[in-house]
C-alpha atoms as a PDB file:
ATOM      1  CA  MET A   1     -69.569 150.271 -22.745  1.00  0.00           C
ATOM      2  CA  LYS A   2     -67.581 150.265 -19.720  1.00  0.00           C
ATOM      3  CA  HIS A   3     -65.346 152.830 -21.277  1.00  0.00           C
ATOM      4  CA  ALA A   4     -67.875 155.058 -21.389  1.00  0.00           C
ATOM      5  CA  LEU A   5     -69.360 155.172 -17.942  1.00  0.00           C
ATOM      6  CA  GLU A   6     -65.841 156.040 -16.928  1.00  0.00           C
ATOM      7  CA  GLN A   7     -66.131 159.015 -18.553  1.00  0.00           C
ATOM      8  CA  LYS A   8     -69.498 159.864 -17.755  1.00  0.00           C
ATOM      9  CA  VAL A   9     -68.821 159.119 -14.151  1.00  0.00           C
ATOM     10  CA  ASP A  10     -66.077 160.709 -12.099  1.00  0.00           C
ATOM     11  CA  GLY A  11     -67.346 159.359  -8.143  1.00  0.00           C
ATOM     12  CA  SER A  12     -69.366 162.846  -7.241  1.00  0.00           C
ATOM     13  CA  GLU A  13     -72.303 161.749  -8.336  1.00  0.00           C
ATOM     14  CA  SER A  14     -74.539 160.462  -6.167  1.00  0.00           C
ATOM     15  CA  GLU A  15     -76.510 157.396  -6.961  1.00  0.00           C
ATOM     16  CA  ALA A  16     -79.621 158.439  -9.070  1.00  0.00           C
ATOM     17  CA  GLU A  17     -76.736 160.590 -10.825  1.00  0.00           C
ATOM     18  CA  VAL A  18     -75.276 157.560 -11.758  1.00  0.00           C
ATOM     19  CA  GLN A  19     -77.887 155.067 -12.192  1.00  0.00           C
ATOM     20  CA  ALA A  20     -79.216 158.014 -15.070  1.00  0.00           C
ATOM     21  CA  ARG A  21     -75.811 158.121 -17.070  1.00  0.00           C
ATOM     22  CA  VAL A  22     -75.717 154.241 -16.934  1.00  0.00           C
ATOM     23  CA  ASP A  23     -79.183 154.061 -18.450  1.00  0.00           C
ATOM     24  CA  GLU A  24     -78.386 157.009 -21.133  1.00  0.00           C
ATOM     25  CA  VAL A  25     -74.910 154.736 -22.070  1.00  0.00           C
ATOM     26  CA  LEU A  26     -77.124 151.610 -22.242  1.00  0.00           C
ATOM     27  CA  SER A  27     -79.704 153.268 -24.052  1.00  0.00           C
ATOM     28  CA  GLN A  28     -76.840 154.911 -27.036  1.00  0.00           C
ATOM     29  CA  ASN A  29     -75.403 151.177 -27.344  1.00  0.00           C
ATOM     30  CA  LEU A  30     -78.989 149.426 -27.600  1.00  0.00           C
ATOM     31  CA  GLU A  31     -80.773 151.880 -29.573  1.00  0.00           C
ATOM     32  CA  PRO A  32     -78.711 150.390 -33.324  1.00  0.00           C
ATOM     33  CA  ILE A  33     -79.453 146.721 -32.169  1.00  0.00           C
ATOM     34  CA  HIS A  34     -83.024 148.053 -31.777  1.00  0.00           C
ATOM     35  CA  ARG A  35     -82.876 149.559 -35.102  1.00  0.00           C
ATOM     36  CA  LYS A  36     -82.294 146.321 -36.432  1.00  0.00           C
ATOM     37  CA  ARG A  37     -84.150 144.138 -34.839  1.00  0.00           C
ATOM     38  CA  ARG A  38     -87.458 146.622 -35.637  1.00  0.00           C
ATOM     39  CA  ALA A  39     -85.669 146.404 -39.379  1.00  0.00           C
ATOM     40  CA  ARG A  40     -85.628 142.348 -39.586  1.00  0.00           C
ATOM     41  CA  ALA A  41     -89.295 142.271 -37.899  1.00  0.00           C
ATOM     42  CA  ARG A  42     -90.721 144.496 -40.631  1.00  0.00           C
ATOM     43  CA  GLN A  43     -89.060 142.680 -43.651  1.00  0.00           C
ATOM     44  CA  GLN A  44     -90.180 139.736 -41.545  1.00  0.00           C
ATOM     45  CA  MET A  45     -93.954 141.238 -41.704  1.00  0.00           C
ATOM     46  CA  ILE A  46     -93.618 142.433 -44.967  1.00  0.00           C
ATOM     47  CA  ASP A  47     -92.571 139.246 -46.531  1.00  0.00           C
ATOM     48  CA  HIS A  48     -95.338 137.454 -44.462  1.00  0.00           C
ATOM     49  CA  GLY A  49     -98.128 139.469 -46.481  1.00  0.00           C
ATOM     50  CA  VAL A  50     -97.252 138.828 -49.465  1.00  0.00           C
ATOM     51  CA  ALA A  51     -96.572 135.413 -48.696  1.00  0.00           C
ATOM     52  CA  TYR A  52    -100.344 135.320 -47.218  1.00  0.00           C
ATOM     53  CA  VAL A  53    -101.951 137.219 -50.017  1.00  0.00           C
ATOM     54  CA  LYS A  54    -100.214 135.353 -52.857  1.00  0.00           C
ATOM     55  CA  GLU A  55    -102.237 132.062 -50.869  1.00  0.00           C
ATOM     56  CA  GLU A  56    -105.516 134.606 -50.301  1.00  0.00           C
ATOM     57  CA  LEU A  57    -105.414 135.588 -54.239  1.00  0.00           C
ATOM     58  CA  ALA A  58    -104.821 131.979 -55.002  1.00  0.00           C
ATOM     59  CA  GLY A  59    -108.520 131.070 -53.672  1.00  0.00           C
ATOM     60  CA  GLU A  60    -110.171 133.693 -56.157  1.00  0.00           C
ATOM     61  CA  GLU A  61    -111.603 131.711 -58.912  1.00  0.00           C
ATOM     62  CA  ASP A  62    -112.241 134.872 -60.581  1.00  0.00           C
ATOM     63  CA  LEU A  63    -109.025 136.623 -61.675  1.00  0.00           C
ATOM     64  CA  ASN A  64    -106.630 136.135 -64.261  1.00  0.00           C
ATOM     65  CA  ALA A  65    -102.261 135.448 -63.370  1.00  0.00           C
ATOM     66  CA  TRP A  66    -101.794 138.661 -64.409  1.00  0.00           C
ATOM     67  CA  GLN A  67    -104.526 140.375 -61.679  1.00  0.00           C
ATOM     68  CA  ARG A  68    -103.206 138.495 -59.200  1.00  0.00           C
ATOM     69  CA  LEU A  69    -100.184 139.719 -59.688  1.00  0.00           C
ATOM     70  CA  SER A  70    -100.921 143.631 -60.014  1.00  0.00           C
ATOM     71  CA  ILE A  71    -102.549 143.069 -56.396  1.00  0.00           C
ATOM     72  CA  ALA A  72    -100.139 141.383 -55.214  1.00  0.00           C
ATOM     73  CA  ARG A  73     -97.934 144.369 -56.271  1.00  0.00           C
ATOM     74  CA  ASP A  74    -100.276 147.066 -55.224  1.00  0.00           C
ATOM     75  CA  VAL A  75    -100.051 145.371 -51.456  1.00  0.00           C
ATOM     76  CA  LYS A  76     -97.019 144.397 -50.916  1.00  0.00           C
ATOM     77  CA  GLN A  77     -96.270 148.490 -51.635  1.00  0.00           C
ATOM     78  CA  ASP A  78     -98.916 149.134 -49.168  1.00  0.00           C
ATOM     79  CA  LEU A  79     -97.404 146.604 -46.679  1.00  0.00           C
ATOM     80  CA  GLU A  80     -94.433 148.438 -47.452  1.00  0.00           C
ATOM     81  CA  GLU A  81     -95.511 152.027 -46.558  1.00  0.00           C
ATOM     82  CA  GLN A  82     -98.035 150.794 -43.345  1.00  0.00           C
ATOM     83  CA  VAL A  83     -95.524 147.861 -41.380  1.00  0.00           C
ATOM     84  CA  THR A  84     -93.519 149.215 -38.305  1.00  0.00           C
ATOM     85  CA  GLY A  85     -92.220 146.318 -37.238  1.00  0.00           C
ATOM     86  CA  ASP A  86     -93.954 146.499 -34.173  1.00  0.00           C
ATOM     87  CA  GLU A  87     -97.241 143.881 -35.728  1.00  0.00           C
ATOM     88  CA  SER A  88     -97.908 140.293 -35.294  1.00  0.00           C
ATOM     89  CA  GLU A  89     -98.405 138.280 -38.036  1.00  0.00           C
ATOM     90  CA  ASP A  90    -102.146 138.810 -36.597  1.00  0.00           C
ATOM     91  CA  ASP A  91    -102.349 142.542 -37.470  1.00  0.00           C
ATOM     92  CA  VAL A  92    -100.426 142.019 -40.677  1.00  0.00           C
ATOM     93  CA  GLU A  93    -102.690 140.015 -42.125  1.00  0.00           C
ATOM     94  CA  ALA A  94    -106.065 141.499 -40.902  1.00  0.00           C
ATOM     95  CA  PHE A  95    -104.764 144.707 -42.960  1.00  0.00           C
ATOM     96  CA  VAL A  96    -103.949 142.506 -45.979  1.00  0.00           C
ATOM     97  CA  VAL A  97    -107.859 140.748 -45.669  1.00  0.00           C
ATOM     98  CA  GLY A  98    -108.923 144.474 -45.241  1.00  0.00           C
ATOM     99  CA  ILE A  99    -107.124 145.977 -48.551  1.00  0.00           C
ATOM    100  CA  LEU A 100    -108.557 142.870 -50.211  1.00  0.00           C
ATOM    101  CA  ASP A 101    -112.289 143.575 -49.245  1.00  0.00           C
ATOM    102  CA  GLU A 102    -111.420 146.711 -50.816  1.00  0.00           C
ATOM    103  CA  VAL A 103    -110.018 145.893 -53.857  1.00  0.00           C
ATOM    104  CA  LEU A 104    -112.424 142.446 -54.308  1.00  0.00           C
ATOM    105  CA  GLY A 105    -115.376 144.314 -53.856  1.00  0.00           C
ATOM    106  CA  ASP A 106    -116.312 141.549 -50.727  1.00  0.00           C
ATOM    107  CA  SER A 107    -119.560 142.780 -49.679  1.00  0.00           C
ATOM    108  CA  GLU A 108    -121.800 140.962 -46.063  1.00  0.00           C
ATOM    109  CA  GLU A 109    -123.657 139.175 -48.615  1.00  0.00           C
ATOM    110  CA  ASP A 110    -120.309 136.805 -49.533  1.00  0.00           C
ATOM    111  CA  ALA A 111    -119.906 136.320 -46.260  1.00  0.00           C
ATOM    112  CA  GLU A 112    -123.446 135.767 -45.693  1.00  0.00           C
ATOM    113  CA  ASP A 113    -122.999 133.091 -48.118  1.00  0.00           C
ATOM    114  CA  VAL A 114    -119.913 131.270 -46.617  1.00  0.00           C
ATOM    115  CA  GLU A 115    -122.126 131.353 -43.659  1.00  0.00           C
ATOM    116  CA  GLU A 116    -124.987 129.130 -44.793  1.00  0.00           C
ATOM    117  CA  ASP A 117    -122.987 126.837 -46.579  1.00  0.00           C
END
């Protein structure tokens, strides 16, 4: 990085120009690191979502094993398409719950039943 700065700065630049070049070089050098972190975070969130959907489906007594696997596979595919790596675990869980509500057809009536218990 020092070498890159030495090539871009010859001493005739103002302080603002030097700062701009430093920012540019830092940005270029940090971008691959940020991409790797985002990719790692994305995969961790997908893995979390898959584990969460399996946990949620385990409580669905009216589903057989094949249905659970099929739904989990579909949710994983949705996670892979939607998750960017910027989400929190809570965001991913909310996304999974939304999908499951659509797939399983949970209604407000089901929610009211739970509240009454």
